[in-house]
Amino acid sequence: MNDQTILRIQIKVIPGATRTGIEWYGDKLKIKVNVAPEKGRANAAVIALLAEKLGLPPSAVTIVSGHTSALKTVELKGPGLAELKLAIAAKSV
């Protein structure tokens, strides 16, 4: 039996930013990536950044809706909400 937590959160993506980073934006995460939103590059950068900051493999991060929008829903396999908040607070840039 799999006891892994699956968490869905909403994110706001800022592509083409001068610096990458993750911070809370109300009840959503605001994620800045320094690549343009062309051919899925910004989505790939969001997945890589979230995985790196949370210590997850990229396969544990999936964009489930909003692929062509700044507002997206992301599914994380592993951390619960409390762990996510702690990880983001500790590693905010």
PDB file of N, CA and C in Angstrom:
ATOM      1  N   MET A   1       0.844  -1.183   0.000  1.00  0.00           N
ATOM      2  CA  MET A   1       0.000   0.000   0.000  1.00  0.00           C
ATOM      3  C   MET A   1       0.882   1.236   0.000  1.00  0.00           C
ATOM      4  N   ASN A   2       0.512   2.244  -0.803  1.00  0.00           N
ATOM      5  CA  ASN A   2       1.280   3.466  -0.935  1.00  0.00           C
ATOM      6  C   ASN A   2       0.793   4.492   0.074  1.00  0.00           C
ATOM      7  N   ASP A   3       1.676   4.938   0.978  1.00  0.00           N
ATOM      8  CA  ASP A   3       1.291   5.913   1.983  1.00  0.00           C
ATOM      9  C   ASP A   3       1.783   7.315   1.633  1.00  0.00           C
ATOM     10  N   GLN A   4       2.129   7.512   0.381  1.00  0.00           N
ATOM     11  CA  GLN A   4       2.626   8.799  -0.077  1.00  0.00           C
ATOM     12  C   GLN A   4       1.481   9.807  -0.174  1.00  0.00           C
ATOM     13  N   THR A   5       1.719  11.012   0.328  1.00  0.00           N
ATOM     14  CA  THR A   5       0.735  12.078   0.275  1.00  0.00           C
ATOM     15  C   THR A   5       0.706  12.685  -1.117  1.00  0.00           C
ATOM     16  N   ILE A   6      -0.495  12.965  -1.611  1.00  0.00           N
ATOM     17  CA  ILE A   6      -0.644  13.687  -2.873  1.00  0.00           C
ATOM     18  C   ILE A   6      -1.317  15.005  -2.538  1.00  0.00           C
ATOM     19  N   LEU A   7      -0.633  16.103  -2.867  1.00  0.00           N
ATOM     20  CA  LEU A   7      -1.097  17.443  -2.538  1.00  0.00           C
ATOM     21  C   LEU A   7      -1.270  18.235  -3.818  1.00  0.00           C
ATOM     22  N   ARG A   8      -2.424  18.869  -3.970  1.00  0.00           N
ATOM     23  CA  ARG A   8      -2.651  19.756  -5.114  1.00  0.00           C
ATOM     24  C   ARG A   8      -2.659  21.184  -4.617  1.00  0.00           C
ATOM     25  N   ILE A   9      -1.867  22.026  -5.277  1.00  0.00           N
ATOM     26  CA  ILE A   9      -1.820  23.438  -4.913  1.00  0.00           C
ATOM     27  C   ILE A   9      -1.932  24.290  -6.166  1.00  0.00           C
ATOM     28  N   GLN A  10      -2.398  25.517  -5.975  1.00  0.00           N
ATOM     29  CA  GLN A  10      -2.456  26.462  -7.081  1.00  0.00           C
ATOM     30  C   GLN A  10      -1.199  27.312  -7.050  1.00  0.00           C
ATOM     31  N   ILE A  11      -0.686  27.594  -8.247  1.00  0.00           N
ATOM     32  CA  ILE A  11       0.501  28.426  -8.357  1.00  0.00           C
ATOM     33  C   ILE A  11       0.259  29.523  -9.376  1.00  0.00           C
ATOM     34  N   LYS A  12       0.974  30.608  -9.211  1.00  0.00           N
ATOM     35  CA  LYS A  12       1.000  31.689 -10.200  1.00  0.00           C
ATOM     36  C   LYS A  12       2.424  31.736 -10.719  1.00  0.00           C
ATOM     37  N   VAL A  13       2.589  31.622 -12.032  1.00  0.00           N
ATOM     38  CA  VAL A  13       3.909  31.562 -12.638  1.00  0.00           C
ATOM     39  C   VAL A  13       4.229  32.902 -13.291  1.00  0.00           C
ATOM     40  N   ILE A  14       5.434  33.388 -13.003  1.00  0.00           N
ATOM     41  CA  ILE A  14       5.945  34.599 -13.627  1.00  0.00           C
ATOM     42  C   ILE A  14       7.119  34.174 -14.521  1.00  0.00           C
ATOM     43  N   PRO A  15       6.861  33.979 -15.832  1.00  0.00           N
ATOM     44  CA  PRO A  15       7.951  33.585 -16.732  1.00  0.00           C
ATOM     45  C   PRO A  15       8.783  34.803 -17.130  1.00  0.00           C
ATOM     46  N   GLY A  16      10.003  34.565 -17.552  1.00  0.00           N
ATOM     47  CA  GLY A  16      10.864  35.649 -18.017  1.00  0.00           C
ATOM     48  C   GLY A  16      11.363  36.557 -16.900  1.00  0.00           C
ATOM     49  N   ALA A  17      11.330  36.095 -15.665  1.00  0.00           N
ATOM     50  CA  ALA A  17      11.796  36.901 -14.526  1.00  0.00           C
ATOM     51  C   ALA A  17      13.321  37.002 -14.553  1.00  0.00           C
ATOM     52  N   THR A  18      13.847  38.038 -13.915  1.00  0.00           N
ATOM     53  CA  THR A  18      15.299  38.189 -13.868  1.00  0.00           C
ATOM     54  C   THR A  18      15.930  37.203 -12.898  1.00  0.00           C
ATOM     55  N   ARG A  19      15.177  36.807 -11.856  1.00  0.00           N
ATOM     56  CA  ARG A  19      15.671  35.821 -10.885  1.00  0.00           C
ATOM     57  C   ARG A  19      14.606  34.770 -10.663  1.00  0.00           C
ATOM     58  N   THR A  20      15.039  33.539 -10.425  1.00  0.00           N
ATOM     59  CA  THR A  20      14.085  32.485 -10.102  1.00  0.00           C
ATOM     60  C   THR A  20      13.794  32.523  -8.608  1.00  0.00           C
ATOM     61  N   GLY A  21      12.624  32.054  -8.235  1.00  0.00           N
ATOM     62  CA  GLY A  21      12.291  32.006  -6.823  1.00  0.00           C
ATOM     63  C   GLY A  21      10.878  31.515  -6.587  1.00  0.00           C
ATOM     64  N   ILE A  22      10.619  31.166  -5.331  1.00  0.00           N
ATOM     65  CA  ILE A  22       9.305  30.688  -4.906  1.00  0.00           C
ATOM     66  C   ILE A  22       8.946  31.426  -3.629  1.00  0.00           C
ATOM     67  N   GLU A  23       7.714  31.918  -3.575  1.00  0.00           N
ATOM     68  CA  GLU A  23       7.227  32.559  -2.360  1.00  0.00           C
ATOM     69  C   GLU A  23       5.714  32.379  -2.281  1.00  0.00           C
ATOM     70  N   TRP A  24       5.181  32.545  -1.091  1.00  0.00           N
ATOM     71  CA  TRP A  24       3.734  32.456  -0.925  1.00  0.00           C
ATOM     72  C   TRP A  24       3.095  33.731  -1.451  1.00  0.00           C
ATOM     73  N   TYR A  25       1.958  33.582  -2.117  1.00  0.00           N
ATOM     74  CA  TYR A  25       1.184  34.664  -2.694  1.00  0.00           C
ATOM     75  C   TYR A  25      -0.247  34.407  -2.243  1.00  0.00           C
ATOM     76  N   GLY A  26      -0.578  34.833  -1.015  1.00  0.00           N
ATOM     77  CA  GLY A  26      -1.861  34.461  -0.419  1.00  0.00           C
ATOM     78  C   GLY A  26      -1.847  32.976  -0.128  1.00  0.00           C
ATOM     79  N   ASP A  27      -2.830  32.257  -0.659  1.00  0.00           N
ATOM     80  CA  ASP A  27      -2.872  30.803  -0.453  1.00  0.00           C
ATOM     81  C   ASP A  27      -2.272  30.038  -1.635  1.00  0.00           C
ATOM     82  N   LYS A  28      -1.647  30.763  -2.557  1.00  0.00           N
ATOM     83  CA  LYS A  28      -0.994  30.150  -3.716  1.00  0.00           C
ATOM     84  C   LYS A  28       0.516  30.347  -3.594  1.00  0.00           C
ATOM     85  N   LEU A  29       1.246  29.629  -4.401  1.00  0.00           N
ATOM     86  CA  LEU A  29       2.680  29.878  -4.526  1.00  0.00           C
ATOM     87  C   LEU A  29       2.913  30.734  -5.757  1.00  0.00           C
ATOM     88  N   LYS A  30       3.783  31.710  -5.644  1.00  0.00           N
ATOM     89  CA  LYS A  30       4.219  32.490  -6.802  1.00  0.00           C
ATOM     90  C   LYS A  30       5.606  31.983  -7.161  1.00  0.00           C
ATOM     91  N   ILE A  31       5.746  31.536  -8.394  1.00  0.00           N
ATOM     92  CA  ILE A  31       6.997  30.942  -8.850  1.00  0.00           C
ATOM     93  C   ILE A  31       7.526  31.766 -10.010  1.00  0.00           C
ATOM     94  N   LYS A  32       8.746  32.284  -9.839  1.00  0.00           N
ATOM     95  CA  LYS A  32       9.398  33.069 -10.886  1.00  0.00           C
ATOM     96  C   LYS A  32      10.448  32.190 -11.560  1.00  0.00           C
ATOM     97  N   VAL A  33      10.381  32.145 -12.878  1.00  0.00           N
ATOM     98  CA  VAL A  33      11.383  31.407 -13.653  1.00  0.00           C
ATOM     99  C   VAL A  33      11.955  32.348 -14.701  1.00  0.00           C
ATOM    100  N   ASN A  34      13.213  32.121 -15.067  1.00  0.00           N
ATOM    101  CA  ASN A  34      13.880  33.038 -15.988  1.00  0.00           C
ATOM    102  C   ASN A  34      13.863  32.568 -17.435  1.00  0.00           C
ATOM    103  N   VAL A  35      12.872  31.791 -17.802  1.00  0.00           N
ATOM    104  CA  VAL A  35      12.723  31.355 -19.197  1.00  0.00           C
ATOM    105  C   VAL A  35      11.381  31.841 -19.735  1.00  0.00           C
ATOM    106  N   ALA A  36      11.310  31.983 -21.048  1.00  0.00           N
ATOM    107  CA  ALA A  36      10.087  32.440 -21.696  1.00  0.00           C
ATOM    108  C   ALA A  36       9.064  31.310 -21.762  1.00  0.00           C
ATOM    109  N   PRO A  37       7.793  31.678 -21.800  1.00  0.00           N
ATOM    110  CA  PRO A  37       6.738  30.653 -21.883  1.00  0.00           C
ATOM    111  C   PRO A  37       6.544  30.144 -23.313  1.00  0.00           C
ATOM    112  N   GLU A  38       7.579  29.539 -23.856  1.00  0.00           N
ATOM    113  CA  GLU A  38       7.532  29.041 -25.226  1.00  0.00           C
ATOM    114  C   GLU A  38       7.770  27.531 -25.238  1.00  0.00           C
ATOM    115  N   LYS A  39       6.900  26.812 -25.935  1.00  0.00           N
ATOM    116  CA  LYS A  39       7.054  25.368 -26.134  1.00  0.00           C
ATOM    117  C   LYS A  39       7.234  24.597 -24.833  1.00  0.00           C
ATOM    118  N   GLY A  40       6.556  25.035 -23.774  1.00  0.00           N
ATOM    119  CA  GLY A  40       6.588  24.317 -22.509  1.00  0.00           C
ATOM    120  C   GLY A  40       7.834  24.530 -21.666  1.00  0.00           C
ATOM    121  N   ARG A  41       8.717  25.443 -22.089  1.00  0.00           N
ATOM    122  CA  ARG A  41       9.963  25.657 -21.337  1.00  0.00           C
ATOM    123  C   ARG A  41       9.711  26.205 -19.941  1.00  0.00           C
ATOM    124  N   ALA A  42       8.773  27.137 -19.812  1.00  0.00           N
ATOM    125  CA  ALA A  42       8.481  27.700 -18.479  1.00  0.00           C
ATOM    126  C   ALA A  42       7.878  26.625 -17.575  1.00  0.00           C
ATOM    127  N   ASN A  43       6.990  25.789 -18.108  1.00  0.00           N
ATOM    128  CA  ASN A  43       6.418  24.698 -17.311  1.00  0.00           C
ATOM    129  C   ASN A  43       7.506  23.738 -16.835  1.00  0.00           C
ATOM    130  N   ALA A  44       8.439  23.404 -17.724  1.00  0.00           N
ATOM    131  CA  ALA A  44       9.539  22.514 -17.346  1.00  0.00           C
ATOM    132  C   ALA A  44      10.401  23.162 -16.268  1.00  0.00           C
ATOM    133  N   ALA A  45      10.614  24.470 -16.368  1.00  0.00           N
ATOM    134  CA  ALA A  45      11.414  25.177 -15.366  1.00  0.00           C
ATOM    135  C   ALA A  45      10.699  25.213 -14.024  1.00  0.00           C
ATOM    136  N   VAL A  46       9.372  25.361 -14.042  1.00  0.00           N
ATOM    137  CA  VAL A  46       8.579  25.353 -12.808  1.00  0.00           C
ATOM    138  C   VAL A  46       8.708  23.993 -12.118  1.00  0.00           C
ATOM    139  N   ILE A  47       8.562  22.925 -12.880  1.00  0.00           N
ATOM    140  CA  ILE A  47       8.662  21.572 -12.324  1.00  0.00           C
ATOM    141  C   ILE A  47      10.057  21.361 -11.722  1.00  0.00           C
ATOM    142  N   ALA A  48      11.093  21.739 -12.465  1.00  0.00           N
ATOM    143  CA  ALA A  48      12.464  21.551 -11.985  1.00  0.00           C
ATOM    144  C   ALA A  48      12.728  22.365 -10.718  1.00  0.00           C
ATOM    145  N   LEU A  49      12.263  23.613 -10.683  1.00  0.00           N
ATOM    146  CA  LEU A  49      12.491  24.471  -9.520  1.00  0.00           C
ATOM    147  C   LEU A  49      11.755  23.953  -8.289  1.00  0.00           C
ATOM    148  N   LEU A  50      10.489  23.586  -8.459  1.00  0.00           N
ATOM    149  CA  LEU A  50       9.734  23.035  -7.323  1.00  0.00           C
ATOM    150  C   LEU A  50      10.386  21.756  -6.802  1.00  0.00           C
ATOM    151  N   ALA A  51      10.761  20.874  -7.705  1.00  0.00           N
ATOM    152  CA  ALA A  51      11.392  19.609  -7.292  1.00  0.00           C
ATOM    153  C   ALA A  51      12.682  19.882  -6.532  1.00  0.00           C
ATOM    154  N   GLU A  52      13.488  20.789  -7.051  1.00  0.00           N
ATOM    155  CA  GLU A  52      14.773  21.104  -6.395  1.00  0.00           C
ATOM    156  C   GLU A  52      14.547  21.696  -5.005  1.00  0.00           C
ATOM    157  N   LYS A  53      13.682  22.684  -4.903  1.00  0.00           N
ATOM    158  CA  LYS A  53      13.458  23.371  -3.625  1.00  0.00           C
ATOM    159  C   LYS A  53      12.826  22.468  -2.577  1.00  0.00           C
ATOM    160  N   LEU A  54      12.029  21.492  -3.023  1.00  0.00           N
ATOM    161  CA  LEU A  54      11.344  20.605  -2.079  1.00  0.00           C
ATOM    162  C   LEU A  54      12.083  19.288  -1.863  1.00  0.00           C
ATOM    163  N   GLY A  55      13.183  19.095  -2.576  1.00  0.00           N
ATOM    164  CA  GLY A  55      13.942  17.860  -2.428  1.00  0.00           C
ATOM    165  C   GLY A  55      13.209  16.650  -2.981  1.00  0.00           C
ATOM    166  N   LEU A  56      12.469  16.863  -4.054  1.00  0.00           N
ATOM    167  CA  LEU A  56      11.700  15.787  -4.687  1.00  0.00           C
ATOM    168  C   LEU A  56      12.279  15.469  -6.054  1.00  0.00           C
ATOM    169  N   PRO A  57      12.045  14.269  -6.554  1.00  0.00           N
ATOM    170  CA  PRO A  57      12.408  14.009  -7.944  1.00  0.00           C
ATOM    171  C   PRO A  57      11.426  14.749  -8.856  1.00  0.00           C
ATOM    172  N   PRO A  58      11.856  15.192 -10.030  1.00  0.00           N
ATOM    173  CA  PRO A  58      10.951  15.892 -10.939  1.00  0.00           C
ATOM    174  C   PRO A  58       9.683  15.100 -11.265  1.00  0.00           C
ATOM    175  N   SER A  59       9.764  13.777 -11.225  1.00  0.00           N
ATOM    176  CA  SER A  59       8.592  12.947 -11.511  1.00  0.00           C
ATOM    177  C   SER A  59       7.516  13.073 -10.432  1.00  0.00           C
ATOM    178  N   ALA A  60       7.846  13.654  -9.279  1.00  0.00           N
ATOM    179  CA  ALA A  60       6.882  13.827  -8.190  1.00  0.00           C
ATOM    180  C   ALA A  60       6.116  15.138  -8.313  1.00  0.00           C
ATOM    181  N   VAL A  61       6.426  15.940  -9.336  1.00  0.00           N
ATOM    182  CA  VAL A  61       5.772  17.229  -9.552  1.00  0.00           C
ATOM    183  C   VAL A  61       5.096  17.192 -10.915  1.00  0.00           C
ATOM    184  N   THR A  62       3.782  17.418 -10.944  1.00  0.00           N
ATOM    185  CA  THR A  62       3.025  17.365 -12.192  1.00  0.00           C
ATOM    186  C   THR A  62       2.105  18.573 -12.292  1.00  0.00           C
ATOM    187  N   ILE A  63       2.121  19.241 -13.438  1.00  0.00           N
ATOM    188  CA  ILE A  63       1.151  20.301 -13.699  1.00  0.00           C
ATOM    189  C   ILE A  63      -0.101  19.612 -14.204  1.00  0.00           C
ATOM    190  N   VAL A  64      -1.214  19.751 -13.455  1.00  0.00           N
ATOM    191  CA  VAL A  64      -2.432  19.037 -13.824  1.00  0.00           C
ATOM    192  C   VAL A  64      -3.448  19.920 -14.545  1.00  0.00           C
ATOM    193  N   SER A  65      -3.314  21.231 -14.420  1.00  0.00           N
ATOM    194  CA  SER A  65      -4.174  22.128 -15.196  1.00  0.00           C
ATOM    195  C   SER A  65      -3.504  23.480 -15.337  1.00  0.00           C
ATOM    196  N   GLY A  66      -3.901  24.223 -16.380  1.00  0.00           N
ATOM    197  CA  GLY A  66      -3.356  25.549 -16.616  1.00  0.00           C
ATOM    198  C   GLY A  66      -2.048  25.542 -17.389  1.00  0.00           C
ATOM    199  N   HIS A  67      -1.855  24.564 -18.236  1.00  0.00           N
ATOM    200  CA  HIS A  67      -0.587  24.429 -18.964  1.00  0.00           C
ATOM    201  C   HIS A  67      -0.220  25.672 -19.769  1.00  0.00           C
ATOM    202  N   THR A  68      -1.205  26.417 -20.269  1.00  0.00           N
ATOM    203  CA  THR A  68      -0.918  27.610 -21.068  1.00  0.00           C
ATOM    204  C   THR A  68      -1.321  28.889 -20.348  1.00  0.00           C
ATOM    205  N   SER A  69      -1.558  28.801 -19.056  1.00  0.00           N
ATOM    206  CA  SER A  69      -1.988  29.937 -18.247  1.00  0.00           C
ATOM    207  C   SER A  69      -0.959  30.256 -17.176  1.00  0.00           C
ATOM    208  N   ALA A  70      -0.994  31.481 -16.678  1.00  0.00           N
ATOM    209  CA  ALA A  70      -0.107  31.845 -15.551  1.00  0.00           C
ATOM    210  C   ALA A  70      -0.576  31.180 -14.266  1.00  0.00           C
ATOM    211  N   LEU A  71      -1.872  30.912 -14.157  1.00  0.00           N
ATOM    212  CA  LEU A  71      -2.409  30.223 -12.985  1.00  0.00           C
ATOM    213  C   LEU A  71      -2.501  28.739 -13.296  1.00  0.00           C
ATOM    214  N   LYS A  72      -1.865  27.936 -12.492  1.00  0.00           N
ATOM    215  CA  LYS A  72      -1.792  26.497 -12.728  1.00  0.00           C
ATOM    216  C   LYS A  72      -2.135  25.736 -11.456  1.00  0.00           C
ATOM    217  N   THR A  73      -2.508  24.490 -11.609  1.00  0.00           N
ATOM    218  CA  THR A  73      -2.658  23.584 -10.480  1.00  0.00           C
ATOM    219  C   THR A  73      -1.575  22.530 -10.609  1.00  0.00           C
ATOM    220  N   VAL A  74      -0.843  22.334  -9.511  1.00  0.00           N
ATOM    221  CA  VAL A  74       0.282  21.406  -9.495  1.00  0.00           C
ATOM    222  C   VAL A  74       0.001  20.310  -8.480  1.00  0.00           C
ATOM    223  N   GLU A  75       0.350  19.098  -8.841  1.00  0.00           N
ATOM    224  CA  GLU A  75       0.224  17.969  -7.931  1.00  0.00           C
ATOM    225  C   GLU A  75       1.617  17.568  -7.462  1.00  0.00           C
ATOM    226  N   LEU A  76       1.764  17.476  -6.140  1.00  0.00           N
ATOM    227  CA  LEU A  76       3.037  17.084  -5.533  1.00  0.00           C
ATOM    228  C   LEU A  76       2.859  15.750  -4.834  1.00  0.00           C
ATOM    229  N   LYS A  77       3.737  14.827  -5.115  1.00  0.00           N
ATOM    230  CA  LYS A  77       3.686  13.523  -4.455  1.00  0.00           C
ATOM    231  C   LYS A  77       4.785  13.485  -3.405  1.00  0.00           C
ATOM    232  N   GLY A  78       4.385  13.470  -2.169  1.00  0.00           N
ATOM    233  CA  GLY A  78       5.371  13.411  -1.092  1.00  0.00           C
ATOM    234  C   GLY A  78       5.010  14.289   0.084  1.00  0.00           C
ATOM    235  N   PRO A  79       5.238  15.612  -0.033  1.00  0.00           N
ATOM    236  CA  PRO A  79       5.044  16.450   1.151  1.00  0.00           C
ATOM    237  C   PRO A  79       3.579  16.758   1.412  1.00  0.00           C
ATOM    238  N   GLY A  80       3.242  16.866   2.693  1.00  0.00           N
ATOM    239  CA  GLY A  80       1.938  17.375   3.073  1.00  0.00           C
ATOM    240  C   GLY A  80       2.009  18.891   3.082  1.00  0.00           C
ATOM    241  N   LEU A  81       0.897  19.553   3.327  1.00  0.00           N
ATOM    242  CA  LEU A  81       0.859  21.008   3.299  1.00  0.00           C
ATOM    243  C   LEU A  81       1.793  21.616   4.343  1.00  0.00           C
ATOM    244  N   ALA A  82       1.840  21.063   5.536  1.00  0.00           N
ATOM    245  CA  ALA A  82       2.716  21.600   6.585  1.00  0.00           C
ATOM    246  C   ALA A  82       4.184  21.512   6.163  1.00  0.00           C
ATOM    247  N   GLU A  83       4.576  20.374   5.602  1.00  0.00           N
ATOM    248  CA  GLU A  83       5.953  20.205   5.145  1.00  0.00           C
ATOM    249  C   GLU A  83       6.270  21.157   4.001  1.00  0.00           C
ATOM    250  N   LEU A  84       5.301  21.358   3.106  1.00  0.00           N
ATOM    251  CA  LEU A  84       5.488  22.279   1.977  1.00  0.00           C
ATOM    252  C   LEU A  84       5.719  23.693   2.494  1.00  0.00           C
ATOM    253  N   LYS A  85       4.892  24.132   3.444  1.00  0.00           N
ATOM    254  CA  LYS A  85       5.041  25.493   3.988  1.00  0.00           C
ATOM    255  C   LYS A  85       6.400  25.667   4.654  1.00  0.00           C
ATOM    256  N   LEU A  86       6.838  24.675   5.407  1.00  0.00           N
ATOM    257  CA  LEU A  86       8.145  24.740   6.063  1.00  0.00           C
ATOM    258  C   LEU A  86       9.279  24.792   5.037  1.00  0.00           C
ATOM    259  N   ALA A  87       9.185  23.961   4.017  1.00  0.00           N
ATOM    260  CA  ALA A  87      10.246  23.915   3.000  1.00  0.00           C
ATOM    261  C   ALA A  87      10.336  25.224   2.239  1.00  0.00           C
ATOM    262  N   ILE A  88       9.199  25.798   1.871  1.00  0.00           N
ATOM    263  CA  ILE A  88       9.203  27.058   1.141  1.00  0.00           C
ATOM    264  C   ILE A  88       9.710  28.196   2.026  1.00  0.00           C
ATOM    265  N   ALA A  89       9.279  28.223   3.283  1.00  0.00           N
ATOM    266  CA  ALA A  89       9.725  29.265   4.216  1.00  0.00           C
ATOM    267  C   ALA A  89      11.232  29.179   4.439  1.00  0.00           C
ATOM    268  N   ALA A  90      11.752  27.975   4.566  1.00  0.00           N
ATOM    269  CA  ALA A  90      13.171  27.783   4.843  1.00  0.00           C
ATOM    270  C   ALA A  90      14.044  28.084   3.627  1.00  0.00           C
ATOM    271  N   LYS A  91      13.483  27.891   2.435  1.00  0.00           N
ATOM    272  CA  LYS A  91      14.293  28.023   1.217  1.00  0.00           C
ATOM    273  C   LYS A  91      13.825  29.171   0.334  1.00  0.00           C
ATOM    274  N   SER A  92      13.065  30.117   0.861  1.00  0.00           N
ATOM    275  CA  SER A  92      12.582  31.234   0.064  1.00  0.00           C
ATOM    276  C   SER A  92      13.761  32.031  -0.457  1.00  0.00           C
ATOM    277  N   VAL A  93      13.635  32.407  -1.727  1.00  0.00           N
ATOM    278  CA  VAL A  93      14.669  33.227  -2.336  1.00  0.00           C
ATOM    279  C   VAL A  93      14.042  34.422  -3.006  1.00  0.00           C
TER     280      VAL A  93
END
